[in-house]
Structure formats: structure tokens, C-alpha cells
Amino acid sequence: MLQNQKIVIIGGSSGIGLATAKKAAALGAEVVIASRSEDKLRQAAQQIGEGASAYPLDTTQETQVQAFFEKIGALNHLVVTAAETSGGPFLSTETAQARQLFENKFWGQYYAAKYGAPRMSPNGSLTLFSGVVAYKTMAGSSMLGAVNAAVSNLAQTLALELAPIRVNVVSPGIIDTPSRSKMSDEARSRFYASLAQKLPAGRVGTAEDVAKSVLYLIQNSFVTGTVLHTEGGHILI
């Protein structure tokens, strides 16, 4: 149980972050969520329930991240799921797009760790997010793979530097979340069905699957420096 534990979830207004926030609140935690969209934050806070607080935050802006942690004060656990991702062939992708990907997924998590860790309790935990393409090479994913690998390495080094605070990484595979809302329903269904036939788990993941991984890393005090692969066996195929 997580009574008297303050859990901050950046990216907590939708998808994996929201699923994690709901599970943490159900276990008695005080939940703080942050993301860019104020509308989504309001809706998410209502879903999470009484006691949840929400703050608008753009993690690409270092000063905003610093001010956010100054505002919320002491905390026990920090989870950073927020990130916009992109991909494409290496030679035809604009350098600006690659830089923006790093701004969103790497530097956003870097800033959160930098300004959140000093306010965390010694028995707290920090959970960052990598992804399957750091561990399974896929054409068109050179940028995202590099970013995900950078996040994993950062976290494992921080597990040494920030100890006794525990630092871990969740590395999801293909997860059915609103992040693929730009695809048509038909195209998304075909994509998921095709992948499900190949995955050893026989299906694509859900936000709840990944939220369970996050809660495991928060609650198990003997796990640090770990990359928890939650991808249905995708790296095996």
C-alpha cells in the first residue's frame, strides 16, 4: 500500500501516466499529475479521484520544470512518462525533428530528474521511460532508439549517483494508448492485429500493463538500476 506516499507523475493526464495515477491513488497515495494540456489535466484529476492535484507543465522548458518542483515541495516517488515521439528514415529526416525528439523525451526526463531528485525522500524512487527500439533495431527508428538508449543509460548511472534513492526504467513495447490517435481506427486495428500474431504474448499491450510495471518498481525497495521490459516479448522476434 502507498498511504502517506506522495507520487508525482509527469505525463499523468492520459495513457500510461493516467493508468499509473489511478492505480497509485487506489493504493492510498497522494497523487500529483502534470502535463501540457490543462483540459486533459482537469479531466484526469476527476478520474483519479479526491486528493489528486494537477499542474500544467512543459518539460522541454527547464525553468518550468524547476519552478514546478519548487511549487510541489517534498515527494516520495517520481514517474516521468511524458514524451512526444517520432521516427523516419535517417537520411531524409530533418535534423530539427531529431533535436526536437531529444528535447521532448531525453531532456524532459533529464530536467525532471535534476530538479525532482533533491526533493525526494531517501527511500523514494525515480522511474523513467525508455522503449523497445533501444533494444530491438528497427528501420526508421534510429532517432528514437538513440533517445531511448540515452534515457536507459542515464537512469542506470543515476541509480549509483542518487542512491539510496532508487532509479529504474520502464521500456514499453507497442502499447494501445491515445498516442496513436492520429491513425484511423481501421489502420490502427490492422496494425495491432498484425503485431499480435507475431508477439509471444499474443497481443499488444495496454496502459494498465505498463502501469503495473511502474507500481512494481515503486513498491519493491530492492530494485534499482533495472530496465523493466514490458513489451510482450517484442525484442525476441
Protein backbone atom coordinates (compact mmCIF):
# COMPACT_ATOMS: atom_id res chain seq x y z
CA MET A 1 0.00 0.00 0.00
CA LEU A 2 1.07 3.58 -0.61
CA GLN A 3 -0.53 5.53 2.21
CA ASN A 4 1.36 8.69 3.18
CA GLN A 5 3.34 8.48 -0.07
CA LYS A 6 3.38 11.42 -2.48
CA ILE A 7 3.75 10.29 -6.07
CA VAL A 8 4.37 12.77 -8.87
CA ILE A 9 3.54 11.58 -12.38
CA ILE A 10 4.66 13.80 -15.25
CA GLY A 11 2.52 12.78 -18.19
CA GLY A 12 -0.25 11.73 -15.85
CA SER A 13 -3.17 13.17 -17.79
CA SER A 14 -3.55 10.32 -20.30
CA GLY A 15 -2.41 6.86 -21.36
CA ILE A 16 0.18 5.10 -19.23
CA GLY A 17 0.60 8.05 -16.87
CA LEU A 18 -3.10 8.25 -16.11
CA ALA A 19 -3.39 4.48 -15.62
CA THR A 20 -0.47 4.67 -13.18
CA ALA A 21 -2.03 7.60 -11.33
CA LYS A 22 -5.32 5.73 -10.89
CA LYS A 23 -3.59 2.63 -9.54
CA ALA A 24 -1.41 4.67 -7.17
CA ALA A 25 -4.42 6.58 -5.84
CA ALA A 26 -6.33 3.31 -5.32
CA LEU A 27 -3.41 2.16 -3.14
CA GLY A 28 -3.72 5.26 -0.98
CA ALA A 29 -1.08 7.53 -2.47
CA GLU A 30 -1.31 11.29 -2.72
CA VAL A 31 -1.09 11.79 -6.48
CA VAL A 32 0.23 14.84 -8.32
CA ILE A 33 -0.05 14.85 -12.10
CA ALA A 34 1.44 17.24 -14.64
CA SER A 35 1.25 17.62 -18.41
CA ARG A 36 0.92 20.28 -21.09
CA SER A 37 -2.85 20.16 -21.57
CA GLU A 38 -4.92 21.89 -18.89
CA ASP A 39 -8.13 20.37 -20.27
CA LYS A 40 -6.74 16.84 -20.06
CA LEU A 41 -5.41 17.56 -16.57
CA ARG A 42 -8.83 18.61 -15.30
CA GLN A 43 -10.49 15.54 -16.76
CA ALA A 44 -7.75 13.23 -15.45
CA ALA A 45 -7.90 14.67 -11.92
CA GLN A 46 -11.63 13.92 -11.82
CA GLN A 47 -10.99 10.33 -12.92
CA ILE A 48 -8.22 9.81 -10.37
CA GLY A 49 -10.45 10.99 -7.55
CA GLU A 50 -10.35 13.02 -4.40
CA GLY A 51 -6.98 14.39 -3.37
CA ALA A 52 -5.37 14.39 -6.80
CA SER A 53 -3.73 17.66 -7.81
CA ALA A 54 -2.80 18.74 -11.32
CA TYR A 55 -0.32 21.24 -12.76
CA PRO A 56 0.33 22.37 -16.34
CA LEU A 57 3.94 21.72 -17.33
CA ASP A 58 6.06 21.74 -20.49
CA THR A 59 9.03 19.50 -19.71
CA THR A 60 11.08 20.93 -22.58
CA GLN A 61 11.32 24.20 -20.63
CA GLU A 62 13.94 23.81 -17.89
CA THR A 63 12.77 26.84 -15.92
CA GLN A 64 9.20 25.49 -15.87
CA VAL A 65 10.39 22.14 -14.55
CA GLN A 66 12.46 23.80 -11.85
CA ALA A 67 9.55 26.02 -10.79
CA PHE A 68 7.19 23.03 -10.76
CA PHE A 69 9.26 21.12 -8.23
CA GLU A 70 9.74 24.21 -6.11
CA LYS A 71 5.96 24.54 -6.00
CA ILE A 72 5.08 20.96 -5.09
CA GLY A 73 7.82 20.50 -2.47
CA ALA A 74 8.83 17.19 -0.93
CA LEU A 75 7.85 13.92 -2.62
CA ASN A 76 8.44 10.20 -2.34
CA HIS A 77 8.26 8.90 -5.90
CA LEU A 78 8.61 10.47 -9.33
CA VAL A 79 7.45 8.89 -12.60
CA VAL A 80 8.09 10.55 -15.96
CA THR A 81 6.04 9.13 -18.82
CA ALA A 82 5.55 12.35 -20.79
CA ALA A 83 7.12 12.38 -24.24
CA GLU A 84 6.25 13.04 -27.84
CA THR A 85 7.93 10.59 -30.18
CA SER A 86 8.65 10.49 -33.88
CA GLY A 87 10.55 8.46 -36.43
CA GLY A 88 11.52 8.19 -40.04
CA PRO A 89 14.40 7.29 -42.36
CA PHE A 90 17.70 8.66 -41.08
CA LEU A 91 18.86 10.43 -44.25
CA SER A 92 15.53 12.06 -45.07
CA THR A 93 14.63 13.22 -41.57
CA GLU A 94 15.27 16.87 -40.81
CA THR A 95 17.85 17.48 -38.11
CA ALA A 96 15.40 19.82 -36.37
CA GLN A 97 13.00 16.90 -35.93
CA ALA A 98 15.72 14.79 -34.35
CA ARG A 99 16.66 17.61 -32.00
CA GLN A 100 13.03 18.10 -31.01
CA LEU A 101 12.73 14.41 -30.20
CA PHE A 102 15.67 14.71 -27.82
CA GLU A 103 14.16 17.86 -26.31
CA ASN A 104 10.90 16.04 -25.63
CA LYS A 105 11.97 12.63 -24.45
CA PHE A 106 15.54 12.91 -23.20
CA TRP A 107 15.90 16.44 -21.89
CA GLY A 108 12.41 16.43 -20.40
CA GLN A 109 13.29 13.41 -18.28
CA TYR A 110 16.73 14.83 -17.53
CA TYR A 111 15.22 18.06 -16.16
CA ALA A 112 12.68 16.14 -14.10
CA ALA A 113 15.40 14.00 -12.53
CA LYS A 114 17.67 17.01 -11.93
CA TYR A 115 15.10 19.10 -10.10
CA GLY A 116 12.95 16.34 -8.63
CA ALA A 117 15.63 14.17 -7.02
CA PRO A 118 16.79 16.77 -4.45
CA ARG A 119 13.23 16.88 -3.06
CA MET A 120 12.75 13.12 -2.84
CA SER A 121 12.86 11.12 0.37
CA PRO A 122 15.88 8.78 0.73
CA ASN A 123 13.61 5.74 0.42
CA GLY A 124 11.94 7.14 -2.69
CA SER A 125 12.18 6.14 -6.33
CA LEU A 126 12.53 7.67 -9.76
CA THR A 127 11.08 5.85 -12.77
CA LEU A 128 11.98 6.97 -16.28
CA PHE A 129 10.73 5.70 -19.64
CA SER A 130 12.78 4.22 -22.48
CA GLY A 131 11.27 1.98 -25.17
CA VAL A 132 11.65 -1.21 -27.15
CA VAL A 133 13.59 0.34 -30.05
CA ALA A 134 16.54 0.93 -27.74
CA TYR A 135 16.88 -2.85 -27.58
CA LYS A 136 15.42 -4.07 -30.88
CA THR A 137 16.78 -2.47 -34.03
CA MET A 138 14.08 -1.30 -36.41
CA ALA A 139 14.49 0.63 -39.65
CA GLY A 140 13.11 4.13 -39.30
CA SER A 141 13.79 4.27 -35.55
CA SER A 142 17.37 5.47 -35.42
CA MET A 143 16.49 8.70 -33.60
CA LEU A 144 14.03 7.19 -31.15
CA GLY A 145 16.31 4.24 -30.48
CA ALA A 146 19.16 6.59 -29.66
CA VAL A 147 16.99 8.66 -27.34
CA ASN A 148 15.62 5.60 -25.56
CA ALA A 149 19.11 4.19 -25.09
CA ALA A 150 20.27 7.52 -23.67
CA VAL A 151 17.43 7.53 -21.14
CA SER A 152 18.24 3.98 -20.03
CA ASN A 153 21.92 4.77 -19.57
CA LEU A 154 21.15 7.99 -17.71
CA ALA A 155 18.88 6.15 -15.29
CA GLN A 156 21.32 3.36 -14.58
CA THR A 157 24.07 5.86 -13.83
CA LEU A 158 21.73 7.86 -11.61
CA ALA A 159 20.96 4.67 -9.66
CA LEU A 160 24.56 4.92 -8.45
CA GLU A 161 24.79 8.69 -8.06
CA LEU A 162 21.43 9.24 -6.35
CA ALA A 163 21.47 6.19 -4.05
CA PRO A 164 19.75 5.39 -1.75
CA ILE A 165 17.02 6.83 -3.99
CA ARG A 166 16.18 4.03 -6.40
CA VAL A 167 16.23 4.77 -10.12
CA ASN A 168 14.69 2.44 -12.69
CA VAL A 169 13.43 2.41 -16.25
CA VAL A 170 10.32 1.01 -17.87
CA SER A 171 10.81 0.04 -21.51
CA PRO A 172 7.40 -0.48 -23.15
CA GLY A 173 6.75 -2.09 -26.50
CA ILE A 174 3.73 -1.35 -28.67
CA ILE A 175 1.02 -0.15 -26.30
CA ASP A 176 -2.58 0.70 -27.17
CA THR A 177 -2.76 4.30 -25.91
CA PRO A 178 -4.04 7.65 -27.23
CA SER A 179 -0.56 8.30 -28.63
CA ARG A 180 -1.69 6.54 -31.82
CA SER A 181 -4.90 8.54 -32.14
CA LYS A 182 -3.66 10.10 -35.39
CA MET A 183 -4.06 6.73 -37.10
CA SER A 184 -7.51 5.82 -38.40
CA ASP A 185 -9.39 3.24 -36.36
CA GLU A 186 -9.09 0.74 -39.22
CA ALA A 187 -5.37 1.26 -39.73
CA ARG A 188 -4.70 1.05 -36.00
CA SER A 189 -6.71 -2.16 -35.66
CA ARG A 190 -4.86 -3.76 -38.57
CA PHE A 191 -1.51 -2.74 -37.12
CA TYR A 192 -2.32 -4.14 -33.68
CA ALA A 193 -3.75 -7.37 -35.09
CA SER A 194 -0.72 -7.96 -37.30
CA LEU A 195 1.71 -7.39 -34.44
CA ALA A 196 -0.31 -9.51 -32.01
CA GLN A 197 0.15 -12.51 -34.31
CA LYS A 198 3.92 -12.16 -34.02
CA LEU A 199 4.33 -11.35 -30.34
CA PRO A 200 4.90 -14.26 -27.92
CA ALA A 201 2.30 -12.65 -25.62
CA GLY A 202 -0.27 -12.86 -28.42
CA ARG A 203 -1.49 -9.29 -28.07
CA VAL A 204 -0.35 -5.69 -27.90
CA GLY A 205 -0.02 -4.05 -24.51
CA THR A 206 -2.38 -1.81 -22.61
CA ALA A 207 -1.70 1.22 -20.44
CA GLU A 208 -2.67 -0.89 -17.43
CA ASP A 209 0.03 -3.45 -18.29
CA VAL A 210 2.69 -0.77 -18.13
CA ALA A 211 1.20 0.86 -15.04
CA LYS A 212 1.64 -2.45 -13.21
CA SER A 213 5.34 -2.34 -14.08
CA VAL A 214 5.64 1.18 -12.70
CA LEU A 215 3.90 0.24 -9.46
CA TYR A 216 6.19 -2.77 -9.08
CA LEU A 217 9.26 -0.55 -9.37
CA ILE A 218 7.81 1.95 -6.89
CA GLN A 219 6.93 -0.68 -4.31
CA ASN A 220 9.87 -3.09 -4.48
CA SER A 221 12.60 -1.48 -2.37
CA PHE A 222 15.25 -3.96 -3.56
CA VAL A 223 15.08 -3.00 -7.24
CA THR A 224 17.28 -0.25 -8.65
CA GLY A 225 19.25 0.31 -11.84
CA THR A 226 16.86 -2.02 -13.66
CA VAL A 227 15.29 -1.75 -17.11
CA LEU A 228 11.92 -3.47 -16.87
CA HIS A 229 10.90 -4.61 -20.35
CA THR A 230 7.12 -4.56 -20.75
CA GLU A 231 6.68 -5.43 -24.40
CA GLY A 232 5.14 -8.88 -24.74
CA GLY A 233 8.39 -10.44 -25.97
CA HIS A 234 8.86 -7.95 -28.82
CA ILE A 235 12.66 -7.93 -28.51
CA LEU A 236 12.67 -11.67 -29.13
CA ILE A 237 11.15 -11.58 -32.60
